[in-house]
Amino acid sequence: MTGRRRWSTEEILDTAAELLRTDDAESFSVRKLAAALGTDSSSLYRHFRNKTELLRAVADRILLATMDGYRPEGDWKQRVTALALRLREAFGEQLQLAAVWGRYGSGGTGSRLVMEELLQALRASGLPDAEVPVRYHRIVTLLAALISSEAGVGTLTPKEYEQGMEQFRVAVLGADPGRFPALAHFARDIRPLGADRRAAFEEILAAHLAHIEAGIP
């Protein structure tokens, strides 16, 4: 009797990433992954102890891809900005994985490469060493929040997006001036959450880096 095929770790992660292109982390399961591979869940637990560890490994592959070919250039702010934009682009191509990263993080080689570059850039800024870990944490928290929020918008179906836009128009353009005077005043200039995402990303990041720079002795 022929035994079941033994899947490599890379093949398992490839299939998991493919499932996560159309499925979210909540509904993703080891059982679904095993079914897609034509095996049973127990065989996958030889590679990963649980679902969270598996998801972290999938997210780490995005970080590895982000760092592939990366060469730091410019001053510390340019380095942080370039890395942030690479992360945004990498996760933008696999939107569900952005939410995975934001929720589960990663502890693999890709994560360490990203951490190393951010920490080196911050040390190059002239910050005291005691300040670097705190500033690193704030930057990563900001990036994870921005990238994950973009993923939330990007995974909407066209119908869901249009429904959301209609609700936005009703909420903003139909606001009662007596109860919501400021909203009524600015209604025609207020943009929906999904608009100008890259510009908003860059502006928010630039403002945060300027704040850090202002505190450098």
C-alpha atoms as a PDB file:
ATOM      1  CA  MET A   1       0.000   0.000   0.000  1.00  0.00           C
ATOM      2  CA  THR A   2       1.394   3.359  -1.028  1.00  0.00           C
ATOM      3  CA  GLY A   3       1.790   5.785   1.855  1.00  0.00           C
ATOM      4  CA  ARG A   4       0.621   9.354   1.770  1.00  0.00           C
ATOM      5  CA  ARG A   5       2.932  11.926   0.292  1.00  0.00           C
ATOM      6  CA  ARG A   6       5.131  13.791   2.740  1.00  0.00           C
ATOM      7  CA  TRP A   7       4.813  17.530   2.189  1.00  0.00           C
ATOM      8  CA  SER A   8       7.779  19.821   2.787  1.00  0.00           C
ATOM      9  CA  THR A   9       7.497  22.856   5.035  1.00  0.00           C
ATOM     10  CA  GLU A  10       7.800  25.149   2.007  1.00  0.00           C
ATOM     11  CA  GLU A  11       5.008  23.346   0.164  1.00  0.00           C
ATOM     12  CA  ILE A  12       2.768  23.622   3.216  1.00  0.00           C
ATOM     13  CA  LEU A  13       3.467  27.349   3.484  1.00  0.00           C
ATOM     14  CA  ASP A  14       2.843  27.827  -0.252  1.00  0.00           C
ATOM     15  CA  THR A  15      -0.570  26.205   0.053  1.00  0.00           C
ATOM     16  CA  ALA A  16      -1.406  28.131   3.231  1.00  0.00           C
ATOM     17  CA  ALA A  17      -0.522  31.417   1.530  1.00  0.00           C
ATOM     18  CA  GLU A  18      -2.719  30.481  -1.427  1.00  0.00           C
ATOM     19  CA  LEU A  19      -5.657  29.735   0.863  1.00  0.00           C
ATOM     20  CA  LEU A  20      -5.159  33.027   2.663  1.00  0.00           C
ATOM     21  CA  ARG A  21      -5.469  34.923  -0.610  1.00  0.00           C
ATOM     22  CA  THR A  22      -9.196  34.212  -0.528  1.00  0.00           C
ATOM     23  CA  ASP A  23      -9.764  33.352   3.133  1.00  0.00           C
ATOM     24  CA  ASP A  24      -9.187  35.318   6.318  1.00  0.00           C
ATOM     25  CA  ALA A  25      -7.192  34.264   9.343  1.00  0.00           C
ATOM     26  CA  GLU A  26     -10.320  33.680  11.414  1.00  0.00           C
ATOM     27  CA  SER A  27     -11.842  31.096   9.077  1.00  0.00           C
ATOM     28  CA  PHE A  28      -8.498  29.595   8.053  1.00  0.00           C
ATOM     29  CA  SER A  29      -7.810  26.308   9.819  1.00  0.00           C
ATOM     30  CA  VAL A  30      -5.217  23.552   9.831  1.00  0.00           C
ATOM     31  CA  ARG A  31      -8.006  21.176   8.839  1.00  0.00           C
ATOM     32  CA  LYS A  32      -8.775  23.222   5.699  1.00  0.00           C
ATOM     33  CA  LEU A  33      -5.098  23.336   4.849  1.00  0.00           C
ATOM     34  CA  ALA A  34      -4.757  19.588   5.304  1.00  0.00           C
ATOM     35  CA  ALA A  35      -7.759  19.011   3.031  1.00  0.00           C
ATOM     36  CA  ALA A  36      -6.218  21.226   0.337  1.00  0.00           C
ATOM     37  CA  LEU A  37      -3.037  19.165   0.548  1.00  0.00           C
ATOM     38  CA  GLY A  38      -4.905  15.863   0.551  1.00  0.00           C
ATOM     39  CA  THR A  39      -3.581  14.809   3.927  1.00  0.00           C
ATOM     40  CA  ASP A  40      -4.681  14.863   7.561  1.00  0.00           C
ATOM     41  CA  SER A  41      -4.070  17.530  10.192  1.00  0.00           C
ATOM     42  CA  SER A  42      -1.777  15.351  12.270  1.00  0.00           C
ATOM     43  CA  SER A  43       0.820  15.285   9.500  1.00  0.00           C
ATOM     44  CA  LEU A  44       0.980  19.100   9.508  1.00  0.00           C
ATOM     45  CA  TYR A  45       1.534  19.250  13.248  1.00  0.00           C
ATOM     46  CA  ARG A  46       4.908  17.625  12.641  1.00  0.00           C
ATOM     47  CA  HIS A  47       5.912  20.930  11.021  1.00  0.00           C
ATOM     48  CA  PHE A  48       3.944  23.450  13.131  1.00  0.00           C
ATOM     49  CA  ARG A  49       2.704  23.104  16.671  1.00  0.00           C
ATOM     50  CA  ASN A  50      -0.502  25.054  16.089  1.00  0.00           C
ATOM     51  CA  LYS A  51      -2.373  27.403  13.755  1.00  0.00           C
ATOM     52  CA  THR A  52      -0.757  30.535  15.192  1.00  0.00           C
ATOM     53  CA  GLU A  53       2.751  29.238  14.589  1.00  0.00           C
ATOM     54  CA  LEU A  54       1.790  28.372  11.022  1.00  0.00           C
ATOM     55  CA  LEU A  55       0.309  31.809  10.356  1.00  0.00           C
ATOM     56  CA  ARG A  56       3.396  33.483  11.768  1.00  0.00           C
ATOM     57  CA  ALA A  57       5.548  31.443   9.411  1.00  0.00           C
ATOM     58  CA  VAL A  58       3.405  32.466   6.430  1.00  0.00           C
ATOM     59  CA  ALA A  59       3.670  36.134   7.405  1.00  0.00           C
ATOM     60  CA  ASP A  60       7.414  35.786   7.839  1.00  0.00           C
ATOM     61  CA  ARG A  61       7.764  34.768   4.215  1.00  0.00           C
ATOM     62  CA  ILE A  62       6.344  38.154   3.228  1.00  0.00           C
ATOM     63  CA  LEU A  63       8.945  39.840   5.402  1.00  0.00           C
ATOM     64  CA  LEU A  64      11.674  37.734   3.788  1.00  0.00           C
ATOM     65  CA  ALA A  65      10.433  38.760   0.343  1.00  0.00           C
ATOM     66  CA  THR A  66      10.405  42.391   1.484  1.00  0.00           C
ATOM     67  CA  MET A  67      14.055  42.223   2.483  1.00  0.00           C
ATOM     68  CA  ASP A  68      15.186  40.300  -0.595  1.00  0.00           C
ATOM     69  CA  GLY A  69      17.438  42.633  -2.562  1.00  0.00           C
ATOM     70  CA  TYR A  70      16.967  45.478  -0.109  1.00  0.00           C
ATOM     71  CA  ARG A  71      19.943  47.816   0.250  1.00  0.00           C
ATOM     72  CA  PRO A  72      19.773  50.668   2.784  1.00  0.00           C
ATOM     73  CA  GLU A  73      20.336  54.080   1.217  1.00  0.00           C
ATOM     74  CA  GLY A  74      20.100  57.658   2.418  1.00  0.00           C
ATOM     75  CA  ASP A  75      19.711  59.008   5.920  1.00  0.00           C
ATOM     76  CA  TRP A  76      17.821  57.252   8.698  1.00  0.00           C
ATOM     77  CA  LYS A  77      14.433  58.691   7.733  1.00  0.00           C
ATOM     78  CA  GLN A  78      14.882  57.655   4.114  1.00  0.00           C
ATOM     79  CA  ARG A  79      15.830  54.155   5.226  1.00  0.00           C
ATOM     80  CA  VAL A  80      12.775  53.786   7.459  1.00  0.00           C
ATOM     81  CA  THR A  81      10.506  55.207   4.760  1.00  0.00           C
ATOM     82  CA  ALA A  82      11.915  52.950   2.041  1.00  0.00           C
ATOM     83  CA  LEU A  83      11.471  49.866   4.223  1.00  0.00           C
ATOM     84  CA  ALA A  84       7.938  50.900   5.210  1.00  0.00           C
ATOM     85  CA  LEU A  85       6.924  51.333   1.575  1.00  0.00           C
ATOM     86  CA  ARG A  86       8.412  47.944   0.696  1.00  0.00           C
ATOM     87  CA  LEU A  87       6.356  46.364   3.487  1.00  0.00           C
ATOM     88  CA  ARG A  88       3.228  48.114   2.287  1.00  0.00           C
ATOM     89  CA  GLU A  89       3.785  46.944  -1.277  1.00  0.00           C
ATOM     90  CA  ALA A  90       4.586  43.356  -0.285  1.00  0.00           C
ATOM     91  CA  PHE A  91       1.529  42.953   1.912  1.00  0.00           C
ATOM     92  CA  GLY A  92      -0.603  44.892  -0.577  1.00  0.00           C
ATOM     93  CA  GLU A  93      -0.174  42.011  -3.001  1.00  0.00           C
ATOM     94  CA  GLN A  94      -1.411  39.529  -0.368  1.00  0.00           C
ATOM     95  CA  LEU A  95      -3.988  41.460   1.595  1.00  0.00           C
ATOM     96  CA  GLN A  96      -5.141  38.722   3.940  1.00  0.00           C
ATOM     97  CA  LEU A  97      -1.562  38.190   5.074  1.00  0.00           C
ATOM     98  CA  ALA A  98      -1.347  41.831   6.154  1.00  0.00           C
ATOM     99  CA  ALA A  99      -4.036  41.128   8.727  1.00  0.00           C
ATOM    100  CA  VAL A 100      -2.161  37.992   9.775  1.00  0.00           C
ATOM    101  CA  TRP A 101       1.013  40.003  10.359  1.00  0.00           C
ATOM    102  CA  GLY A 102      -0.855  42.716  12.249  1.00  0.00           C
ATOM    103  CA  ARG A 103      -2.477  40.166  14.539  1.00  0.00           C
ATOM    104  CA  TYR A 104       0.096  37.425  14.963  1.00  0.00           C
ATOM    105  CA  GLY A 105       3.420  39.072  14.147  1.00  0.00           C
ATOM    106  CA  SER A 106       6.372  36.908  13.181  1.00  0.00           C
ATOM    107  CA  GLY A 107       9.464  35.591  14.875  1.00  0.00           C
ATOM    108  CA  GLY A 108      11.341  34.179  11.917  1.00  0.00           C
ATOM    109  CA  THR A 109      14.315  35.301   9.869  1.00  0.00           C
ATOM    110  CA  GLY A 110      12.251  37.812   7.890  1.00  0.00           C
ATOM    111  CA  SER A 111      11.122  39.454  11.106  1.00  0.00           C
ATOM    112  CA  ARG A 112      14.696  39.632  12.398  1.00  0.00           C
ATOM    113  CA  LEU A 113      15.882  41.247   9.146  1.00  0.00           C
ATOM    114  CA  VAL A 114      13.192  43.931   9.378  1.00  0.00           C
ATOM    115  CA  MET A 115      13.962  44.521  13.051  1.00  0.00           C
ATOM    116  CA  GLU A 116      17.686  44.771  12.362  1.00  0.00           C
ATOM    117  CA  GLU A 117      17.248  47.377   9.626  1.00  0.00           C
ATOM    118  CA  LEU A 118      14.854  49.523  11.648  1.00  0.00           C
ATOM    119  CA  LEU A 119      17.066  49.381  14.729  1.00  0.00           C
ATOM    120  CA  GLN A 120      20.161  50.258  12.716  1.00  0.00           C
ATOM    121  CA  ALA A 121      18.379  53.165  11.052  1.00  0.00           C
ATOM    122  CA  LEU A 122      17.217  54.502  14.412  1.00  0.00           C
ATOM    123  CA  ARG A 123      20.718  54.211  15.892  1.00  0.00           C
ATOM    124  CA  ALA A 124      22.016  56.178  12.899  1.00  0.00           C
ATOM    125  CA  SER A 125      19.540  58.955  13.734  1.00  0.00           C
ATOM    126  CA  GLY A 126      21.530  59.972  16.807  1.00  0.00           C
ATOM    127  CA  LEU A 127      18.928  58.816  19.314  1.00  0.00           C
ATOM    128  CA  PRO A 128      20.346  57.642  22.640  1.00  0.00           C
ATOM    129  CA  ASP A 129      20.432  53.838  22.791  1.00  0.00           C
ATOM    130  CA  ALA A 130      17.906  53.890  25.613  1.00  0.00           C
ATOM    131  CA  GLU A 131      15.361  55.522  23.280  1.00  0.00           C
ATOM    132  CA  VAL A 132      15.839  53.249  20.280  1.00  0.00           C
ATOM    133  CA  PRO A 133      13.729  50.231  21.425  1.00  0.00           C
ATOM    134  CA  VAL A 134      10.793  52.474  22.352  1.00  0.00           C
ATOM    135  CA  ARG A 135      10.889  54.311  19.029  1.00  0.00           C
ATOM    136  CA  TYR A 136      11.244  51.008  17.187  1.00  0.00           C
ATOM    137  CA  HIS A 137       8.112  49.674  18.887  1.00  0.00           C
ATOM    138  CA  ARG A 138       6.115  52.774  18.001  1.00  0.00           C
ATOM    139  CA  ILE A 139       7.141  52.598  14.335  1.00  0.00           C
ATOM    140  CA  VAL A 140       6.287  48.904  14.001  1.00  0.00           C
ATOM    141  CA  THR A 141       2.943  49.428  15.740  1.00  0.00           C
ATOM    142  CA  LEU A 142       2.146  52.284  13.376  1.00  0.00           C
ATOM    143  CA  LEU A 143       3.136  50.327  10.257  1.00  0.00           C
ATOM    144  CA  ALA A 144       1.201  47.229  11.288  1.00  0.00           C
ATOM    145  CA  ALA A 145      -1.909  49.320  11.965  1.00  0.00           C
ATOM    146  CA  LEU A 146      -1.705  51.229   8.674  1.00  0.00           C
ATOM    147  CA  ILE A 147      -0.968  48.176   6.537  1.00  0.00           C
ATOM    148  CA  SER A 148      -3.636  46.050   8.250  1.00  0.00           C
ATOM    149  CA  SER A 149      -6.255  48.774   7.832  1.00  0.00           C
ATOM    150  CA  GLU A 150      -5.473  48.991   4.120  1.00  0.00           C
ATOM    151  CA  ALA A 151      -5.909  45.248   3.868  1.00  0.00           C
ATOM    152  CA  GLY A 152      -9.324  45.549   5.470  1.00  0.00           C
ATOM    153  CA  VAL A 153     -10.447  47.964   2.758  1.00  0.00           C
ATOM    154  CA  GLY A 154      -8.733  46.062  -0.032  1.00  0.00           C
ATOM    155  CA  THR A 155     -10.429  42.746   0.682  1.00  0.00           C
ATOM    156  CA  LEU A 156     -13.948  44.122   0.205  1.00  0.00           C
ATOM    157  CA  THR A 157     -15.893  42.797  -2.754  1.00  0.00           C
ATOM    158  CA  PRO A 158     -17.081  45.407  -5.317  1.00  0.00           C
ATOM    159  CA  LYS A 159     -20.607  45.069  -3.951  1.00  0.00           C
ATOM    160  CA  GLU A 160     -19.467  45.542  -0.352  1.00  0.00           C
ATOM    161  CA  TYR A 161     -17.355  48.529  -1.368  1.00  0.00           C
ATOM    162  CA  GLU A 162     -20.253  50.202  -3.175  1.00  0.00           C
ATOM    163  CA  GLN A 163     -22.561  49.578  -0.215  1.00  0.00           C
ATOM    164  CA  GLY A 164     -19.989  51.179   2.049  1.00  0.00           C
ATOM    165  CA  MET A 165     -19.653  54.180  -0.270  1.00  0.00           C
ATOM    166  CA  GLU A 166     -23.413  54.644  -0.305  1.00  0.00           C
ATOM    167  CA  GLN A 167     -23.521  54.540   3.495  1.00  0.00           C
ATOM    168  CA  PHE A 168     -20.664  57.062   3.562  1.00  0.00           C
ATOM    169  CA  ARG A 169     -22.519  59.435   1.246  1.00  0.00           C
ATOM    170  CA  VAL A 170     -25.685  59.176   3.313  1.00  0.00           C
ATOM    171  CA  ALA A 171     -23.819  59.686   6.602  1.00  0.00           C
ATOM    172  CA  VAL A 172     -21.762  62.641   5.382  1.00  0.00           C
ATOM    173  CA  LEU A 173     -23.799  64.468   2.743  1.00  0.00           C
ATOM    174  CA  GLY A 174     -27.039  63.824   4.586  1.00  0.00           C
ATOM    175  CA  ALA A 175     -25.824  65.077   7.960  1.00  0.00           C
ATOM    176  CA  ASP A 176     -28.209  67.422   9.784  1.00  0.00           C
ATOM    177  CA  PRO A 177     -26.454  70.840  10.010  1.00  0.00           C
ATOM    178  CA  GLY A 178     -28.213  71.567  13.269  1.00  0.00           C
ATOM    179  CA  ARG A 179     -26.821  68.508  15.000  1.00  0.00           C
ATOM    180  CA  PHE A 180     -23.567  68.084  13.034  1.00  0.00           C
ATOM    181  CA  PRO A 181     -22.560  71.611  11.957  1.00  0.00           C
ATOM    182  CA  ALA A 182     -18.864  70.868  11.343  1.00  0.00           C
ATOM    183  CA  LEU A 183     -19.624  67.701   9.394  1.00  0.00           C
ATOM    184  CA  ALA A 184     -22.177  69.501   7.252  1.00  0.00           C
ATOM    185  CA  HIS A 185     -19.706  72.345   6.622  1.00  0.00           C
ATOM    186  CA  PHE A 186     -16.904  70.043   5.419  1.00  0.00           C
ATOM    187  CA  ALA A 187     -19.118  67.327   3.915  1.00  0.00           C
ATOM    188  CA  ARG A 188     -18.141  67.830   0.265  1.00  0.00           C
ATOM    189  CA  ASP A 189     -14.422  67.732   1.084  1.00  0.00           C
ATOM    190  CA  ILE A 190     -14.407  64.712   3.398  1.00  0.00           C
ATOM    191  CA  ARG A 191     -12.852  61.682   1.692  1.00  0.00           C
ATOM    192  CA  PRO A 192     -13.862  58.084   2.422  1.00  0.00           C
ATOM    193  CA  LEU A 193     -11.449  55.884   4.363  1.00  0.00           C
ATOM    194  CA  GLY A 194     -10.254  54.032   1.263  1.00  0.00           C
ATOM    195  CA  ALA A 195      -9.226  57.142  -0.676  1.00  0.00           C
ATOM    196  CA  ASP A 196      -5.592  58.235  -1.200  1.00  0.00           C
ATOM    197  CA  ARG A 197      -4.237  55.421   0.934  1.00  0.00           C
ATOM    198  CA  ARG A 198      -0.622  55.712  -0.214  1.00  0.00           C
ATOM    199  CA  ALA A 199      -0.562  59.484   0.293  1.00  0.00           C
ATOM    200  CA  ALA A 200      -2.078  59.087   3.750  1.00  0.00           C
ATOM    201  CA  PHE A 201       0.417  56.329   4.590  1.00  0.00           C
ATOM    202  CA  GLU A 202       3.402  58.460   3.581  1.00  0.00           C
ATOM    203  CA  GLU A 203       2.126  61.580   5.327  1.00  0.00           C
ATOM    204  CA  ILE A 204       1.381  59.810   8.615  1.00  0.00           C
ATOM    205  CA  LEU A 205       4.770  58.078   8.574  1.00  0.00           C
ATOM    206  CA  ALA A 206       6.601  61.322   7.720  1.00  0.00           C
ATOM    207  CA  ALA A 207       4.874  63.119  10.587  1.00  0.00           C
ATOM    208  CA  HIS A 208       5.869  60.371  13.003  1.00  0.00           C
ATOM    209  CA  LEU A 209       9.500  60.426  11.873  1.00  0.00           C
ATOM    210  CA  ALA A 210       9.554  64.218  12.157  1.00  0.00           C
ATOM    211  CA  HIS A 211       8.309  63.846  15.724  1.00  0.00           C
ATOM    212  CA  ILE A 212      11.169  61.450  16.483  1.00  0.00           C
ATOM    213  CA  GLU A 213      13.687  63.798  14.855  1.00  0.00           C
ATOM    214  CA  ALA A 214      12.472  66.726  16.934  1.00  0.00           C
ATOM    215  CA  GLY A 215      13.377  64.824  20.097  1.00  0.00           C
ATOM    216  CA  ILE A 216      16.925  63.927  19.072  1.00  0.00           C
ATOM    217  CA  PRO A 217      19.460  65.784  21.235  1.00  0.00           C
END
